[in-house]
Amino acid sequence: MSQQSFAAAMTDLEEIVRKLEQGDVPLEEAIDLYKKGMELSQFCHEKLSNAEQQLISIVGEDGEKQPFSANTGEM
């Protein structure tokens, strides 16, 4: 799964959720889908956390790193 993109993982996760919400999946398959969904959820969460960490500090016009305030969107 580490080679998978965030977008592909989200698409797979959405498909799993759709199948589980339909409710006509055999129990064994539902358990497997749930496990796979949890793995995909963790993968996506890690990708988002990494992206957030990269955005915490941004480079200003002078080339210096400046803290980024997520609440205001300002430096």
N, C-alpha and C. Protein backbone atom coordinates (compact mmCIF):
# COMPACT_ATOMS: atom_id res chain seq x y z
N MET A 1 0.82 -1.20 0.00
CA MET A 1 0.00 0.00 0.00
C MET A 1 0.86 1.25 0.00
N SER A 2 2.13 1.16 0.39
CA SER A 2 2.97 2.35 0.48
C SER A 2 3.22 2.99 -0.88
N GLN A 3 3.04 2.25 -1.96
CA GLN A 3 3.22 2.79 -3.30
C GLN A 3 1.95 3.50 -3.79
N GLN A 4 0.86 3.36 -3.07
CA GLN A 4 -0.42 3.91 -3.48
C GLN A 4 -0.48 5.41 -3.20
N SER A 5 -1.13 6.13 -4.10
CA SER A 5 -1.30 7.56 -3.89
C SER A 5 -2.44 7.81 -2.90
N PHE A 6 -2.46 9.00 -2.36
CA PHE A 6 -3.54 9.38 -1.44
C PHE A 6 -4.89 9.29 -2.14
N ALA A 7 -4.96 9.79 -3.38
CA ALA A 7 -6.23 9.79 -4.11
C ALA A 7 -6.72 8.36 -4.36
N ALA A 8 -5.81 7.47 -4.73
CA ALA A 8 -6.20 6.08 -4.97
C ALA A 8 -6.66 5.41 -3.68
N ALA A 9 -5.98 5.71 -2.59
CA ALA A 9 -6.37 5.14 -1.30
C ALA A 9 -7.76 5.64 -0.88
N MET A 10 -8.03 6.91 -1.10
CA MET A 10 -9.35 7.46 -0.77
C MET A 10 -10.44 6.82 -1.62
N THR A 11 -10.15 6.61 -2.91
CA THR A 11 -11.12 5.96 -3.79
C THR A 11 -11.41 4.55 -3.31
N ASP A 12 -10.36 3.81 -2.96
CA ASP A 12 -10.55 2.45 -2.45
C ASP A 12 -11.33 2.46 -1.15
N LEU A 13 -11.03 3.40 -0.28
CA LEU A 13 -11.73 3.50 1.00
C LEU A 13 -13.21 3.82 0.79
N GLU A 14 -13.51 4.72 -0.11
CA GLU A 14 -14.90 5.05 -0.42
C GLU A 14 -15.66 3.84 -0.96
N GLU A 15 -15.00 3.04 -1.78
CA GLU A 15 -15.62 1.83 -2.33
C GLU A 15 -15.91 0.81 -1.21
N ILE A 16 -14.98 0.68 -0.28
CA ILE A 16 -15.19 -0.23 0.84
C ILE A 16 -16.37 0.22 1.68
N VAL A 17 -16.43 1.50 1.97
CA VAL A 17 -17.54 2.05 2.76
C VAL A 17 -18.86 1.80 2.03
N ARG A 18 -18.88 2.02 0.73
CA ARG A 18 -20.10 1.80 -0.05
C ARG A 18 -20.56 0.34 0.06
N LYS A 19 -19.62 -0.58 -0.09
CA LYS A 19 -19.96 -2.01 -0.01
C LYS A 19 -20.49 -2.37 1.38
N LEU A 20 -19.83 -1.86 2.42
CA LEU A 20 -20.26 -2.19 3.77
C LEU A 20 -21.60 -1.57 4.11
N GLU A 21 -21.86 -0.39 3.58
CA GLU A 21 -23.15 0.27 3.84
C GLU A 21 -24.31 -0.46 3.16
N GLN A 22 -24.04 -1.14 2.07
CA GLN A 22 -25.10 -1.89 1.39
C GLN A 22 -25.60 -3.03 2.26
N GLY A 23 -24.72 -3.59 3.06
CA GLY A 23 -25.13 -4.61 4.02
C GLY A 23 -25.33 -6.00 3.46
N ASP A 24 -25.06 -6.22 2.19
CA ASP A 24 -25.27 -7.55 1.62
C ASP A 24 -23.96 -8.30 1.40
N VAL A 25 -22.94 -7.96 2.18
CA VAL A 25 -21.64 -8.59 2.08
C VAL A 25 -21.57 -9.71 3.12
N PRO A 26 -21.11 -10.89 2.72
CA PRO A 26 -20.97 -11.98 3.70
C PRO A 26 -20.04 -11.55 4.84
N LEU A 27 -20.27 -12.11 6.02
CA LEU A 27 -19.56 -11.71 7.22
C LEU A 27 -18.05 -11.75 7.05
N GLU A 28 -17.51 -12.84 6.51
CA GLU A 28 -16.07 -12.97 6.35
C GLU A 28 -15.51 -11.88 5.45
N GLU A 29 -16.22 -11.60 4.36
CA GLU A 29 -15.78 -10.54 3.45
C GLU A 29 -15.90 -9.17 4.11
N ALA A 30 -16.95 -8.97 4.90
CA ALA A 30 -17.13 -7.70 5.60
C ALA A 30 -15.98 -7.46 6.57
N ILE A 31 -15.55 -8.51 7.26
CA ILE A 31 -14.42 -8.38 8.19
C ILE A 31 -13.16 -8.01 7.43
N ASP A 32 -12.90 -8.68 6.32
CA ASP A 32 -11.73 -8.37 5.50
C ASP A 32 -11.78 -6.94 4.97
N LEU A 33 -12.97 -6.53 4.50
CA LEU A 33 -13.13 -5.16 4.00
C LEU A 33 -12.90 -4.14 5.11
N TYR A 34 -13.40 -4.44 6.29
CA TYR A 34 -13.22 -3.54 7.43
C TYR A 34 -11.74 -3.38 7.75
N LYS A 35 -11.01 -4.50 7.80
CA LYS A 35 -9.57 -4.45 8.08
C LYS A 35 -8.85 -3.63 7.02
N LYS A 36 -9.16 -3.87 5.76
CA LYS A 36 -8.54 -3.13 4.67
C LYS A 36 -8.88 -1.64 4.78
N GLY A 37 -10.12 -1.35 5.12
CA GLY A 37 -10.55 0.04 5.29
C GLY A 37 -9.80 0.73 6.41
N MET A 38 -9.56 0.03 7.50
CA MET A 38 -8.80 0.61 8.61
C MET A 38 -7.36 0.89 8.18
N GLU A 39 -6.77 -0.02 7.41
CA GLU A 39 -5.41 0.20 6.91
C GLU A 39 -5.35 1.42 5.99
N LEU A 40 -6.34 1.52 5.10
CA LEU A 40 -6.40 2.66 4.19
C LEU A 40 -6.62 3.96 4.96
N SER A 41 -7.47 3.92 5.97
CA SER A 41 -7.72 5.10 6.79
C SER A 41 -6.44 5.56 7.48
N GLN A 42 -5.69 4.62 8.03
CA GLN A 42 -4.42 4.95 8.69
C GLN A 42 -3.44 5.54 7.68
N PHE A 43 -3.35 4.94 6.49
CA PHE A 43 -2.46 5.41 5.43
C PHE A 43 -2.81 6.85 5.06
N CYS A 44 -4.10 7.13 4.86
CA CYS A 44 -4.54 8.48 4.48
C CYS A 44 -4.27 9.48 5.61
N HIS A 45 -4.51 9.06 6.83
CA HIS A 45 -4.24 9.93 7.98
C HIS A 45 -2.76 10.29 8.04
N GLU A 46 -1.89 9.32 7.83
CA GLU A 46 -0.45 9.58 7.85
C GLU A 46 -0.04 10.53 6.72
N LYS A 47 -0.61 10.33 5.53
CA LYS A 47 -0.31 11.22 4.41
C LYS A 47 -0.73 12.65 4.72
N LEU A 48 -1.92 12.81 5.29
CA LEU A 48 -2.41 14.14 5.64
C LEU A 48 -1.56 14.77 6.74
N SER A 49 -1.16 13.98 7.72
CA SER A 49 -0.31 14.50 8.79
C SER A 49 1.04 14.96 8.25
N ASN A 50 1.61 14.19 7.33
CA ASN A 50 2.88 14.57 6.71
C ASN A 50 2.72 15.87 5.93
N ALA A 51 1.63 15.99 5.19
CA ALA A 51 1.39 17.22 4.42
C ALA A 51 1.23 18.41 5.36
N GLU A 52 0.53 18.20 6.46
CA GLU A 52 0.33 19.27 7.43
C GLU A 52 1.66 19.72 8.01
N GLN A 53 2.53 18.77 8.34
CA GLN A 53 3.84 19.11 8.89
C GLN A 53 4.66 19.93 7.90
N GLN A 54 4.53 19.62 6.61
CA GLN A 54 5.26 20.35 5.60
C GLN A 54 4.75 21.78 5.48
N LEU A 55 3.49 21.99 5.79
CA LEU A 55 2.89 23.31 5.66
C LEU A 55 2.99 24.16 6.93
N ILE A 56 3.45 23.54 8.02
CA ILE A 56 3.52 24.28 9.28
C ILE A 56 4.42 25.50 9.15
N SER A 57 5.52 25.34 8.44
CA SER A 57 6.36 26.51 8.20
C SER A 57 6.52 26.68 6.70
N ILE A 58 6.36 27.89 6.27
CA ILE A 58 6.48 28.19 4.85
C ILE A 58 7.59 29.21 4.67
N VAL A 59 8.09 29.26 3.48
CA VAL A 59 9.19 30.19 3.19
C VAL A 59 8.61 31.51 2.73
N GLY A 60 9.03 32.58 3.39
CA GLY A 60 8.57 33.92 3.04
C GLY A 60 9.29 34.45 1.81
N GLU A 61 8.93 35.64 1.39
CA GLU A 61 9.54 36.26 0.21
C GLU A 61 11.04 36.47 0.37
N ASP A 62 11.49 36.64 1.61
CA ASP A 62 12.91 36.84 1.86
C ASP A 62 13.68 35.53 1.95
N GLY A 63 13.01 34.41 1.77
CA GLY A 63 13.67 33.11 1.81
C GLY A 63 13.76 32.52 3.20
N GLU A 64 13.27 33.23 4.19
CA GLU A 64 13.30 32.74 5.57
C GLU A 64 12.03 31.95 5.87
N LYS A 65 12.21 30.88 6.64
CA LYS A 65 11.03 30.11 7.07
C LYS A 65 10.29 30.89 8.13
N GLN A 66 8.98 30.88 8.01
CA GLN A 66 8.13 31.58 8.96
C GLN A 66 7.04 30.63 9.41
N PRO A 67 6.66 30.70 10.68
CA PRO A 67 5.58 29.82 11.15
C PRO A 67 4.27 30.16 10.43
N PHE A 68 3.49 29.17 10.19
CA PHE A 68 2.19 29.34 9.53
C PHE A 68 1.10 29.09 10.54
N SER A 69 0.19 30.01 10.66
CA SER A 69 -0.93 29.84 11.59
C SER A 69 -2.09 29.22 10.84
N ALA A 70 -2.42 27.98 11.20
CA ALA A 70 -3.52 27.28 10.54
C ALA A 70 -4.87 27.91 10.84
N ASN A 71 -4.98 28.58 11.98
CA ASN A 71 -6.25 29.18 12.37
C ASN A 71 -6.58 30.40 11.54
N THR A 72 -5.58 31.22 11.24
CA THR A 72 -5.85 32.45 10.52
C THR A 72 -5.41 32.40 9.07
N GLY A 73 -4.56 31.44 8.75
CA GLY A 73 -4.04 31.35 7.40
C GLY A 73 -2.98 32.41 7.12
N GLU A 74 -2.50 33.06 8.19
CA GLU A 74 -1.52 34.12 8.03
C GLU A 74 -0.20 33.69 8.63
N MET A 75 0.87 34.39 8.20
CA MET A 75 2.21 34.13 8.74
C MET A 75 2.46 35.04 9.90
